[in-house]
C-alpha atoms as a PDB file:
ATOM      1  CA  MET A   1      33.395 -38.373  69.145  1.00  0.00           C
ATOM      2  CA  HIS A   2      31.226 -35.313  69.216  1.00  0.00           C
ATOM      3  CA  THR A   3      27.613 -35.507  68.122  1.00  0.00           C
ATOM      4  CA  LEU A   4      25.222 -32.713  67.450  1.00  0.00           C
ATOM      5  CA  SER A   5      22.538 -32.082  69.934  1.00  0.00           C
ATOM      6  CA  SER A   6      18.950 -32.297  68.701  1.00  0.00           C
ATOM      7  CA  LYS A   7      18.660 -28.537  68.819  1.00  0.00           C
ATOM      8  CA  ALA A   8      21.859 -27.995  66.828  1.00  0.00           C
ATOM      9  CA  ALA A   9      20.772 -30.570  64.227  1.00  0.00           C
ATOM     10  CA  ILE A  10      17.462 -28.824  63.761  1.00  0.00           C
ATOM     11  CA  LEU A  11      19.199 -25.471  63.323  1.00  0.00           C
ATOM     12  CA  LEU A  12      21.560 -26.958  60.736  1.00  0.00           C
ATOM     13  CA  ILE A  13      18.669 -28.435  58.802  1.00  0.00           C
ATOM     14  CA  ILE A  14      16.819 -25.092  58.857  1.00  0.00           C
ATOM     15  CA  PHE A  15      19.959 -23.311  57.660  1.00  0.00           C
ATOM     16  CA  CYS A  16      20.428 -25.761  54.781  1.00  0.00           C
ATOM     17  CA  LEU A  17      16.785 -25.429  53.799  1.00  0.00           C
ATOM     18  CA  PHE A  18      17.160 -21.638  53.854  1.00  0.00           C
ATOM     19  CA  ILE A  19      20.171 -21.820  51.520  1.00  0.00           C
ATOM     20  CA  ILE A  20      18.394 -24.202  49.164  1.00  0.00           C
ATOM     21  CA  SER A  21      15.231 -22.085  49.205  1.00  0.00           C
ATOM     22  CA  ASN A  22      17.160 -18.924  48.326  1.00  0.00           C
ATOM     23  CA  ALA A  23      18.989 -20.711  45.545  1.00  0.00           C
ATOM     24  CA  VAL A  24      15.756 -22.041  44.046  1.00  0.00           C
ATOM     25  CA  THR A  25      14.059 -18.644  44.384  1.00  0.00           C
ATOM     26  CA  GLY A  26      16.993 -16.947  42.742  1.00  0.00           C
ATOM     27  CA  TRP A  27      16.926 -19.403  39.833  1.00  0.00           C
ATOM     28  CA  LEU A  28      13.191 -18.994  39.377  1.00  0.00           C
ATOM     29  CA  VAL A  29      13.522 -15.195  39.388  1.00  0.00           C
ATOM     30  CA  PHE A  30      16.321 -15.397  36.833  1.00  0.00           C
ATOM     31  CA  ARG A  31      14.437 -17.922  34.678  1.00  0.00           C
ATOM     32  CA  PHE A  32      11.014 -16.324  34.596  1.00  0.00           C
ATOM     33  CA  ALA A  33      11.539 -12.644  35.356  1.00  0.00           C
ATOM     34  CA  PRO A  34      10.678 -10.295  32.462  1.00  0.00           C
ATOM     35  CA  ARG A  35      13.726  -9.449  30.415  1.00  0.00           C
ATOM     36  CA  PRO A  36      14.239  -6.349  28.348  1.00  0.00           C
ATOM     37  CA  PRO A  37      13.387  -7.018  24.690  1.00  0.00           C
ATOM     38  CA  LEU A  38      16.211  -7.421  22.246  1.00  0.00           C
ATOM     39  CA  THR A  39      17.022  -4.245  20.400  1.00  0.00           C
ATOM     40  CA  LEU A  40      16.770  -4.071  16.619  1.00  0.00           C
ATOM     41  CA  GLU A  41      20.562  -4.069  16.506  1.00  0.00           C
ATOM     42  CA  ASP A  42      20.632  -7.265  18.635  1.00  0.00           C
ATOM     43  CA  LEU A  43      18.147  -8.959  16.305  1.00  0.00           C
ATOM     44  CA  GLU A  44      20.047  -7.915  13.193  1.00  0.00           C
ATOM     45  CA  THR A  45      23.194  -9.390  14.735  1.00  0.00           C
ATOM     46  CA  LYS A  46      21.439 -12.624  15.694  1.00  0.00           C
ATOM     47  CA  TYR A  47      19.562 -12.993  12.381  1.00  0.00           C
ATOM     48  CA  PRO A  48      21.703 -11.267   9.731  1.00  0.00           C
ATOM     49  CA  PHE A  49      20.073 -13.159   6.832  1.00  0.00           C
ATOM     50  CA  ILE A  50      16.451 -12.595   7.848  1.00  0.00           C
ATOM     51  CA  ASP A  51      14.202  -9.800   6.549  1.00  0.00           C
ATOM     52  CA  ILE A  52      14.321  -6.923   9.040  1.00  0.00           C
ATOM     53  CA  SER A  53      10.510  -6.677   9.076  1.00  0.00           C
ATOM     54  CA  ARG A  54      10.353 -10.083  10.797  1.00  0.00           C
ATOM     55  CA  HIS A  55      11.780  -8.392  13.881  1.00  0.00           C
ATOM     56  CA  LEU A  56       9.012  -5.786  13.947  1.00  0.00           C
ATOM     57  CA  ILE A  57       5.829  -7.643  12.978  1.00  0.00           C
ATOM     58  CA  PRO A  58       4.371 -10.611  14.928  1.00  0.00           C
ATOM     59  CA  SER A  59       4.707 -13.955  13.168  1.00  0.00           C
ATOM     60  CA  LYS A  60       0.936 -14.439  12.872  1.00  0.00           C
ATOM     61  CA  HIS A  61       0.798 -11.574  10.374  1.00  0.00           C
ATOM     62  CA  PHE A  62       3.116 -13.245   7.853  1.00  0.00           C
ATOM     63  CA  ILE A  63       0.530 -14.943   5.633  1.00  0.00           C
ATOM     64  CA  VAL A  64       1.637 -16.868   2.557  1.00  0.00           C
ATOM     65  CA  ASN A  65      -1.420 -18.973   1.717  1.00  0.00           C
ATOM     66  CA  LEU A  66      -3.799 -16.991  -0.479  1.00  0.00           C
ATOM     67  CA  GLN A  67      -5.262 -19.988  -2.298  1.00  0.00           C
ATOM     68  CA  PRO A  68      -8.780 -19.745  -0.785  1.00  0.00           C
ATOM     69  CA  LEU A  69      -8.941 -16.066  -1.766  1.00  0.00           C
ATOM     70  CA  ARG A  70      -7.456 -16.824  -5.188  1.00  0.00           C
ATOM     71  CA  GLU A  71     -10.243 -19.301  -5.888  1.00  0.00           C
ATOM     72  CA  LYS A  72     -12.900 -16.765  -4.903  1.00  0.00           C
ATOM     73  CA  LEU A  73     -11.450 -13.980  -7.068  1.00  0.00           C
ATOM     74  CA  PHE A  74     -11.096 -16.284 -10.056  1.00  0.00           C
ATOM     75  CA  ALA A  75     -14.708 -17.377  -9.609  1.00  0.00           C
ATOM     76  CA  LEU A  76     -15.807 -13.728  -9.658  1.00  0.00           C
ATOM     77  CA  THR A  77     -13.839 -12.784 -12.776  1.00  0.00           C
ATOM     78  CA  ASN A  78     -14.000 -16.004 -14.830  1.00  0.00           C
ATOM     79  CA  PRO A  79     -17.432 -15.242 -16.382  1.00  0.00           C
ATOM     80  CA  LEU A  80     -15.914 -12.185 -18.125  1.00  0.00           C
ATOM     81  CA  PRO A  81     -13.624 -12.328 -21.174  1.00  0.00           C
ATOM     82  CA  LYS A  82      -9.938 -12.319 -20.222  1.00  0.00           C
ATOM     83  CA  ASN A  83      -9.295  -9.100 -22.098  1.00  0.00           C
ATOM     84  CA  SER A  84     -11.968  -7.262 -20.099  1.00  0.00           C
ATOM     85  CA  VAL A  85     -10.672  -7.528 -16.531  1.00  0.00           C
ATOM     86  CA  THR A  86      -7.288  -7.637 -14.818  1.00  0.00           C
ATOM     87  CA  VAL A  87      -6.664  -7.934 -11.073  1.00  0.00           C
ATOM     88  CA  TYR A  88      -3.526  -7.879  -8.967  1.00  0.00           C
ATOM     89  CA  MET A  89      -3.553  -8.408  -5.210  1.00  0.00           C
ATOM     90  CA  GLU A  90      -0.430  -8.593  -3.026  1.00  0.00           C
ATOM     91  CA  PHE A  91      -0.026  -9.172   0.702  1.00  0.00           C
ATOM     92  CA  LEU A  92       2.781  -6.762   1.440  1.00  0.00           C
ATOM     93  CA  ASN A  93       4.274  -8.519   4.481  1.00  0.00           C
ATOM     94  CA  THR A  94       5.242 -11.602   2.489  1.00  0.00           C
ATOM     95  CA  GLY A  95       4.851 -10.745  -1.192  1.00  0.00           C
ATOM     96  CA  ALA A  96       2.265 -13.506  -1.624  1.00  0.00           C
ATOM     97  CA  ASN A  97       0.075 -12.405  -4.518  1.00  0.00           C
ATOM     98  CA  ILE A  98      -2.804 -13.154  -6.851  1.00  0.00           C
ATOM     99  CA  SER A  99      -2.583 -12.153 -10.507  1.00  0.00           C
ATOM    100  CA  ILE A 100      -5.560 -12.477 -12.830  1.00  0.00           C
ATOM    101  CA  ASN A 101      -5.156 -11.854 -16.574  1.00  0.00           C
ATOM    102  CA  ASN A 102      -1.730 -10.332 -16.029  1.00  0.00           C
ATOM    103  CA  GLU A 103      -1.150  -9.845 -19.775  1.00  0.00           C
ATOM    104  CA  THR A 104      -4.297  -7.755 -20.189  1.00  0.00           C
ATOM    105  CA  LYS A 105      -3.572  -4.034 -20.564  1.00  0.00           C
ATOM    106  CA  MET A 106      -6.042  -1.155 -20.540  1.00  0.00           C
ATOM    107  CA  TRP A 107      -6.220   2.583 -20.962  1.00  0.00           C
ATOM    108  CA  PRO A 108      -5.204   3.980 -17.528  1.00  0.00           C
ATOM    109  CA  ALA A 109      -7.379   7.116 -17.573  1.00  0.00           C
ATOM    110  CA  SER A 110      -6.768   8.975 -14.292  1.00  0.00           C
ATOM    111  CA  LEU A 111      -4.443   6.266 -12.999  1.00  0.00           C
ATOM    112  CA  ALA A 112      -1.780   8.124 -15.015  1.00  0.00           C
ATOM    113  CA  LYS A 113      -1.982  10.981 -12.512  1.00  0.00           C
ATOM    114  CA  LEU A 114      -0.083   9.067  -9.835  1.00  0.00           C
ATOM    115  CA  PRO A 115       3.212   8.677 -11.758  1.00  0.00           C
ATOM    116  CA  LEU A 116       2.994  12.370 -12.685  1.00  0.00           C
ATOM    117  CA  ALA A 117       2.515  13.298  -9.019  1.00  0.00           C
ATOM    118  CA  MET A 118       5.511  11.171  -8.070  1.00  0.00           C
ATOM    119  CA  ALA A 119       7.685  12.756 -10.762  1.00  0.00           C
ATOM    120  CA  VAL A 120       6.655  16.266  -9.683  1.00  0.00           C
ATOM    121  CA  THR A 121       7.365  15.454  -6.028  1.00  0.00           C
ATOM    122  CA  LYS A 122      10.757  14.071  -7.023  1.00  0.00           C
ATOM    123  CA  LYS A 123      11.515  17.406  -8.694  1.00  0.00           C
ATOM    124  CA  VAL A 124      10.673  19.157  -5.427  1.00  0.00           C
ATOM    125  CA  GLN A 125      12.713  16.639  -3.445  1.00  0.00           C
ATOM    126  CA  ASP A 126      15.732  17.281  -5.675  1.00  0.00           C
ATOM    127  CA  GLY A 127      15.414  21.027  -5.074  1.00  0.00           C
ATOM    128  CA  THR A 128      14.510  22.049  -8.640  1.00  0.00           C
ATOM    129  CA  TRP A 129      11.056  23.150  -7.494  1.00  0.00           C
ATOM    130  CA  GLN A 130       9.536  24.072  -4.157  1.00  0.00           C
ATOM    131  CA  MET A 131       6.022  23.263  -3.024  1.00  0.00           C
ATOM    132  CA  SER A 132       5.410  26.995  -2.704  1.00  0.00           C
ATOM    133  CA  ASN A 133       6.310  27.706  -6.369  1.00  0.00           C
ATOM    134  CA  GLU A 134       3.329  28.826  -8.424  1.00  0.00           C
ATOM    135  CA  LEU A 135       2.166  27.699 -11.861  1.00  0.00           C
ATOM    136  CA  VAL A 136      -0.430  29.455 -13.988  1.00  0.00           C
ATOM    137  CA  MET A 137      -3.526  28.043 -15.673  1.00  0.00           C
ATOM    138  CA  MET A 138      -3.459  28.530 -19.443  1.00  0.00           C
ATOM    139  CA  PRO A 139      -6.501  28.188 -21.725  1.00  0.00           C
ATOM    140  CA  GLN A 140      -5.393  24.736 -22.906  1.00  0.00           C
ATOM    141  CA  ASP A 141      -5.257  23.500 -19.293  1.00  0.00           C
ATOM    142  CA  ARG A 142      -8.920  23.951 -18.516  1.00  0.00           C
ATOM    143  CA  ASP A 143     -10.750  20.586 -18.349  1.00  0.00           C
ATOM    144  CA  ALA A 144     -14.218  20.207 -16.842  1.00  0.00           C
ATOM    145  CA  SER A 145     -14.399  16.402 -16.893  1.00  0.00           C
ATOM    146  CA  TRP A 146     -12.835  15.825 -13.431  1.00  0.00           C
ATOM    147  CA  GLY A 147     -12.268  18.231 -10.548  1.00  0.00           C
ATOM    148  CA  THR A 148     -13.231  21.846  -9.951  1.00  0.00           C
ATOM    149  CA  LEU A 149     -10.202  24.003 -10.831  1.00  0.00           C
ATOM    150  CA  TYR A 150     -11.625  24.557 -14.328  1.00  0.00           C
ATOM    151  CA  LYS A 151     -14.120  26.971 -12.743  1.00  0.00           C
ATOM    152  CA  ASP A 152     -11.327  29.447 -11.923  1.00  0.00           C
ATOM    153  CA  PRO A 153     -10.427  32.256 -14.352  1.00  0.00           C
ATOM    154  CA  ILE A 154      -7.691  31.690 -16.921  1.00  0.00           C
ATOM    155  CA  GLY A 155      -4.477  33.095 -15.493  1.00  0.00           C
ATOM    156  CA  THR A 156      -5.149  31.847 -11.963  1.00  0.00           C
ATOM    157  CA  THR A 157      -1.965  30.708 -10.237  1.00  0.00           C
ATOM    158  CA  TYR A 158      -1.636  27.725  -7.898  1.00  0.00           C
ATOM    159  CA  THR A 159       1.161  26.455  -5.717  1.00  0.00           C
ATOM    160  CA  ILE A 160       2.575  23.084  -6.657  1.00  0.00           C
ATOM    161  CA  GLU A 161       1.342  21.773  -3.321  1.00  0.00           C
ATOM    162  CA  LYS A 162      -2.200  22.877  -4.175  1.00  0.00           C
ATOM    163  CA  LEU A 163      -2.048  21.277  -7.622  1.00  0.00           C
ATOM    164  CA  LEU A 164      -0.784  17.976  -6.238  1.00  0.00           C
ATOM    165  CA  THR A 165      -3.460  17.980  -3.547  1.00  0.00           C
ATOM    166  CA  GLU A 166      -6.232  18.549  -6.108  1.00  0.00           C
ATOM    167  CA  LEU A 167      -4.671  15.985  -8.432  1.00  0.00           C
ATOM    168  CA  LEU A 168      -4.568  13.161  -5.880  1.00  0.00           C
ATOM    169  CA  THR A 169      -7.640  13.828  -3.743  1.00  0.00           C
ATOM    170  CA  LYS A 170     -10.062  14.945  -6.470  1.00  0.00           C
ATOM    171  CA  SER A 171      -8.349  13.579  -9.615  1.00  0.00           C
ATOM    172  CA  ASP A 172      -8.492  17.108 -11.065  1.00  0.00           C
ATOM    173  CA  ASN A 173      -7.813  17.121 -14.814  1.00  0.00           C
ATOM    174  CA  THR A 174      -6.934  20.826 -14.909  1.00  0.00           C
ATOM    175  CA  ALA A 175      -4.282  20.304 -12.238  1.00  0.00           C
ATOM    176  CA  PHE A 176      -2.944  17.378 -14.257  1.00  0.00           C
ATOM    177  CA  LYS A 177      -2.597  19.449 -17.416  1.00  0.00           C
ATOM    178  CA  ILE A 178      -0.897  22.362 -15.650  1.00  0.00           C
ATOM    179  CA  LEU A 179       1.665  20.088 -14.022  1.00  0.00           C
ATOM    180  CA  TYR A 180       2.193  17.952 -17.117  1.00  0.00           C
ATOM    181  CA  ARG A 181       2.793  20.999 -19.304  1.00  0.00           C
ATOM    182  CA  ASN A 182       5.574  22.145 -16.975  1.00  0.00           C
ATOM    183  CA  MET A 183       7.410  18.817 -16.887  1.00  0.00           C
ATOM    184  CA  THR A 184      10.009  17.678 -19.413  1.00  0.00           C
ATOM    185  CA  SER A 185       9.858  14.295 -21.085  1.00  0.00           C
ATOM    186  CA  ASP A 186      13.144  13.360 -19.379  1.00  0.00           C
ATOM    187  CA  GLU A 187      11.660  14.075 -15.946  1.00  0.00           C
ATOM    188  CA  LEU A 188       8.643  11.908 -16.686  1.00  0.00           C
ATOM    189  CA  GLU A 189      10.853   9.177 -18.081  1.00  0.00           C
ATOM    190  CA  SER A 190      12.961   9.131 -14.921  1.00  0.00           C
ATOM    191  CA  ILE A 191      10.248   7.559 -12.812  1.00  0.00           C
ATOM    192  CA  ILE A 192       9.793   4.773 -15.356  1.00  0.00           C
ATOM    193  CA  GLU A 193      13.494   3.985 -15.229  1.00  0.00           C
ATOM    194  CA  GLU A 194      14.070   4.384 -11.483  1.00  0.00           C
ATOM    195  CA  VAL A 195      11.065   2.318 -10.422  1.00  0.00           C
ATOM    196  CA  GLY A 196      11.834  -0.347 -13.024  1.00  0.00           C
ATOM    197  CA  LEU A 197       8.784   0.388 -15.140  1.00  0.00           C
ATOM    198  CA  LYS A 198      10.248   0.378 -18.623  1.00  0.00           C
ATOM    199  CA  GLU A 199       7.276  -1.667 -19.719  1.00  0.00           C
ATOM    200  CA  LEU A 200       4.803   0.298 -17.614  1.00  0.00           C
ATOM    201  CA  PHE A 201       2.870   1.504 -20.644  1.00  0.00           C
ATOM    202  CA  ASN A 202       2.823  -0.266 -24.002  1.00  0.00           C
ATOM    203  CA  GLU A 203       3.026   1.524 -27.355  1.00  0.00           C
ATOM    204  CA  GLU A 204      -0.712   2.260 -27.146  1.00  0.00           C
ATOM    205  CA  GLY A 205      -0.384   3.876 -23.743  1.00  0.00           C
ATOM    206  CA  LYS A 206      -2.118   0.977 -21.983  1.00  0.00           C
ATOM    207  CA  ILE A 207      -1.065  -0.692 -18.719  1.00  0.00           C
ATOM    208  CA  GLY A 208      -1.679  -3.878 -16.727  1.00  0.00           C
ATOM    209  CA  SER A 209      -2.756  -4.182 -13.104  1.00  0.00           C
ATOM    210  CA  LYS A 210       0.456  -5.847 -11.910  1.00  0.00           C
ATOM    211  CA  ASP A 211       2.698  -3.270 -13.597  1.00  0.00           C
ATOM    212  CA  TYR A 212       0.721  -0.360 -12.191  1.00  0.00           C
ATOM    213  CA  SER A 213       0.914  -1.843  -8.711  1.00  0.00           C
ATOM    214  CA  ARG A 214       4.681  -1.262  -8.734  1.00  0.00           C
ATOM    215  CA  LEU A 215       4.035   2.450  -8.290  1.00  0.00           C
ATOM    216  CA  LEU A 216       2.126   1.844  -5.064  1.00  0.00           C
ATOM    217  CA  ARG A 217       4.781  -0.558  -3.811  1.00  0.00           C
ATOM    218  CA  ALA A 218       7.470   2.047  -4.556  1.00  0.00           C
ATOM    219  CA  LEU A 219       5.585   4.498  -2.345  1.00  0.00           C
ATOM    220  CA  TYR A 220       5.054   1.912   0.398  1.00  0.00           C
ATOM    221  CA  ASN A 221       8.751   1.020   0.388  1.00  0.00           C
ATOM    222  CA  SER A 222       9.806   4.667  -0.163  1.00  0.00           C
ATOM    223  CA  SER A 223      12.190   3.358  -2.825  1.00  0.00           C
ATOM    224  CA  TYR A 224      11.667   6.254  -5.276  1.00  0.00           C
ATOM    225  CA  LEU A 225      10.866   9.156  -2.974  1.00  0.00           C
ATOM    226  CA  SER A 226      11.986   9.884   0.580  1.00  0.00           C
ATOM    227  CA  ARG A 227       9.945   8.532   3.482  1.00  0.00           C
ATOM    228  CA  ASP A 228       8.463  11.965   4.164  1.00  0.00           C
ATOM    229  CA  ASN A 229       7.399  12.496   0.548  1.00  0.00           C
ATOM    230  CA  SER A 230       6.122   8.940   0.120  1.00  0.00           C
ATOM    231  CA  GLN A 231       4.101   9.339   3.322  1.00  0.00           C
ATOM    232  CA  TRP A 232       2.726  12.674   2.082  1.00  0.00           C
ATOM    233  CA  ILE A 233       1.528  11.236  -1.232  1.00  0.00           C
ATOM    234  CA  LEU A 234      -0.013   8.169   0.423  1.00  0.00           C
ATOM    235  CA  GLY A 235      -1.724  10.500   2.881  1.00  0.00           C
ATOM    236  CA  LEU A 236      -3.278  12.447   0.012  1.00  0.00           C
ATOM    237  CA  LEU A 237      -4.376   9.240  -1.702  1.00  0.00           C
ATOM    238  CA  ASN A 238      -6.062   8.232   1.551  1.00  0.00           C
ATOM    239  CA  GLN A 239      -8.089  11.452   1.350  1.00  0.00           C
ATOM    240  CA  SER A 240      -9.509  10.600  -2.080  1.00  0.00           C
ATOM    241  CA  THR A 241     -13.102  11.770  -2.364  1.00  0.00           C
ATOM    242  CA  TYR A 242     -14.111   8.831  -4.568  1.00  0.00           C
ATOM    243  CA  ASP A 243     -15.686   6.133  -2.407  1.00  0.00           C
ATOM    244  CA  GLU A 244     -17.793   4.220  -4.936  1.00  0.00           C
ATOM    245  CA  TYR A 245     -15.034   1.943  -6.269  1.00  0.00           C
ATOM    246  CA  LEU A 246     -12.856  -0.403  -4.155  1.00  0.00           C
ATOM    247  CA  ARG A 247     -13.349   1.808  -1.089  1.00  0.00           C
ATOM    248  CA  GLN A 248     -17.096   1.155  -0.861  1.00  0.00           C
ATOM    249  CA  PRO A 249     -17.110  -2.153   1.107  1.00  0.00           C
ATOM    250  CA  LEU A 250     -14.188  -1.272   3.377  1.00  0.00           C
ATOM    251  CA  PRO A 251     -14.772  -0.085   6.959  1.00  0.00           C
ATOM    252  CA  LYS A 252     -14.502   3.696   7.124  1.00  0.00           C
ATOM    253  CA  GLU A 253     -11.852   3.566   9.837  1.00  0.00           C
ATOM    254  CA  VAL A 254      -9.464   1.487   7.701  1.00  0.00           C
ATOM    255  CA  PRO A 255      -7.076   3.710   5.718  1.00  0.00           C
ATOM    256  CA  PHE A 256      -7.114   3.131   1.960  1.00  0.00           C
ATOM    257  CA  ALA A 257      -4.569   5.084  -0.093  1.00  0.00           C
ATOM    258  CA  HIS A 258      -5.854   4.730  -3.649  1.00  0.00           C
ATOM    259  CA  LYS A 259      -6.145   6.275  -7.101  1.00  0.00           C
ATOM    260  CA  ILE A 260      -9.198   5.771  -9.281  1.00  0.00           C
ATOM    261  CA  GLY A 261      -9.384   5.996 -13.047  1.00  0.00           C
ATOM    262  CA  GLU A 262     -12.455   6.098 -15.248  1.00  0.00           C
ATOM    263  CA  ASN A 263     -13.000   7.067 -18.871  1.00  0.00           C
ATOM    264  CA  GLN A 264     -16.498   7.099 -20.287  1.00  0.00           C
ATOM    265  CA  ASP A 265     -15.343   7.189 -23.918  1.00  0.00           C
ATOM    266  CA  VAL A 266     -13.382   3.940 -23.747  1.00  0.00           C
ATOM    267  CA  GLN A 267     -15.577   2.611 -20.905  1.00  0.00           C
ATOM    268  CA  VAL A 268     -12.745   1.694 -18.557  1.00  0.00           C
ATOM    269  CA  VAL A 269     -13.156   1.808 -14.770  1.00  0.00           C
ATOM    270  CA  SER A 270     -10.195   1.200 -12.448  1.00  0.00           C
ATOM    271  CA  ASP A 271      -9.026   1.584  -8.877  1.00  0.00           C
ATOM    272  CA  ALA A 272      -5.669   0.808  -7.282  1.00  0.00           C
ATOM    273  CA  GLY A 273      -4.523   1.255  -3.711  1.00  0.00           C
ATOM    274  CA  ILE A 274      -3.144  -0.070  -0.445  1.00  0.00           C
ATOM    275  CA  VAL A 275      -5.517  -1.211   2.314  1.00  0.00           C
ATOM    276  CA  PHE A 276      -3.861  -0.568   5.673  1.00  0.00           C
ATOM    277  CA  ILE A 277      -5.245  -3.252   7.960  1.00  0.00           C
ATOM    278  CA  GLU A 278      -3.163  -3.076  11.146  1.00  0.00           C
ATOM    279  CA  HIS A 279      -0.045  -5.256  10.659  1.00  0.00           C
ATOM    280  CA  ARG A 280      -1.625  -6.692   7.487  1.00  0.00           C
ATOM    281  CA  PRO A 281      -1.405  -4.177   4.624  1.00  0.00           C
ATOM    282  CA  TYR A 282      -2.234  -5.391   1.139  1.00  0.00           C
ATOM    283  CA  LEU A 283      -2.239  -3.909  -2.322  1.00  0.00           C
ATOM    284  CA  LEU A 284      -5.192  -4.251  -4.702  1.00  0.00           C
ATOM    285  CA  THR A 285      -5.564  -3.095  -8.314  1.00  0.00           C
ATOM    286  CA  VAL A 286      -8.664  -3.811 -10.402  1.00  0.00           C
ATOM    287  CA  MET A 287      -9.166  -2.665 -14.001  1.00  0.00           C
ATOM    288  CA  ILE A 288     -12.334  -3.401 -15.998  1.00  0.00           C
ATOM    289  CA  ASP A 289     -13.069  -2.714 -19.671  1.00  0.00           C
ATOM    290  CA  ARG A 290     -16.848  -2.456 -19.755  1.00  0.00           C
ATOM    291  CA  GLN A 291     -17.002  -2.446 -23.544  1.00  0.00           C
ATOM    292  CA  ALA A 292     -14.964  -5.641 -23.883  1.00  0.00           C
ATOM    293  CA  ALA A 293     -17.023  -7.270 -21.126  1.00  0.00           C
ATOM    294  CA  ASN A 294     -20.312  -5.962 -22.499  1.00  0.00           C
ATOM    295  CA  ILE A 295     -21.449  -4.829 -19.054  1.00  0.00           C
ATOM    296  CA  ASP A 296     -22.844  -1.589 -17.703  1.00  0.00           C
ATOM    297  CA  ARG A 297     -21.149   0.637 -15.118  1.00  0.00           C
ATOM    298  CA  GLU A 298     -23.283  -0.659 -12.249  1.00  0.00           C
ATOM    299  CA  PHE A 299     -22.207  -4.238 -12.958  1.00  0.00           C
ATOM    300  CA  ALA A 300     -18.546  -3.202 -13.118  1.00  0.00           C
ATOM    301  CA  LEU A 301     -18.727  -1.356  -9.801  1.00  0.00           C
ATOM    302  CA  ASP A 302     -20.512  -4.284  -8.155  1.00  0.00           C
ATOM    303  CA  LEU A 303     -17.723  -6.598  -9.318  1.00  0.00           C
ATOM    304  CA  MET A 304     -15.135  -4.241  -7.833  1.00  0.00           C
ATOM    305  CA  HIS A 305     -17.053  -4.201  -4.555  1.00  0.00           C
ATOM    306  CA  GLN A 306     -17.117  -8.005  -4.407  1.00  0.00           C
ATOM    307  CA  ILE A 307     -13.388  -8.296  -5.153  1.00  0.00           C
ATOM    308  CA  SER A 308     -12.585  -5.700  -2.517  1.00  0.00           C
ATOM    309  CA  LYS A 309     -14.902  -7.250   0.068  1.00  0.00           C
ATOM    310  CA  GLU A 310     -13.538 -10.774  -0.392  1.00  0.00           C
ATOM    311  CA  SER A 311      -9.943  -9.528  -0.168  1.00  0.00           C
ATOM    312  CA  TYR A 312     -10.569  -7.518   2.979  1.00  0.00           C
ATOM    313  CA  GLU A 313     -12.438 -10.296   4.778  1.00  0.00           C
ATOM    314  CA  TYR A 314      -9.823 -12.916   3.946  1.00  0.00           C
ATOM    315  CA  ILE A 315      -6.814 -10.863   5.003  1.00  0.00           C
ATOM    316  CA  SER A 316      -8.585  -9.647   8.152  1.00  0.00           C
ATOM    317  CA  ASN A 317      -9.654 -13.074   9.357  1.00  0.00           C
ATOM    318  CA  VAL A 318      -7.208 -15.683   8.069  1.00  0.00           C
ATOM    319  CA  GLN A 319      -5.165 -17.379  10.764  1.00  0.00           C
ATOM    320  CA  LYS A 320      -1.618 -18.473  10.113  1.00  0.00           C
ATOM    321  CA  PRO A 321      -1.097 -22.176  10.966  1.00  0.00           C
ATOM    322  CA  ASN A 322       1.099 -22.845  13.996  1.00  0.00           C
END
């Protein structure tokens, strides 16, 4: 019977250890080595019933609990009569929302300029108009209450792009009247039907905060206009020159695509927009009837600032439970 010499036995043991070591190393490399991320197509195949946005946004940004914020916003608005204030806030990643006095409707004032801008842009998108087409100012278009185009001579022509820019960044009333005069009732009605806003305005021409917010969501989802055109309008809204409403407490570097509306005759002050916190966008619409609330403009603006500040701080800082 042959037996291994001591030297041969040692060599065999070393060889076996080498094989085992390589096997373990190989397994560890396979187990812990970085792997290429799954493609969107892979994720859609693996999770066919899950919202596609869950594949693109980290889980910690899917917040559903707004109750602490809800309590704060109700505390701010409860001292006022229900018919004097309406608020709608929605966290766009999940659809979680806060609705205060949803049935309350108010005169929209310049908020009505956004649906007009969307209808005009749709007409350009469909090829009926081009942004370079020009429209002329008629005497009945001149309006000095908002904007600066009224200073131009009657007969001045403007491209549609120029009118839309003035309409959305400066809330120009003259631009509104020129564009409105050149639109048909069917074209204006189309946006109400396509965005599902049949009840957008009641028979008195008033609107609620939740209903109006659908317009902003339609832009965010590019469900009415193309992505390029929705992005263009939101970009203009982000350039709004009016910073004294919901914009005031927000950090300057945070984009806020919004449309303000204020009418001194009926004493309504409103603002509606999307706050683009990174990975955590939310929609906020606040409408206040100063006459019904028996408050001055300064009080109304301060209330808007508080609502905006509380919303921003909550969404920025809230942590999703593990």
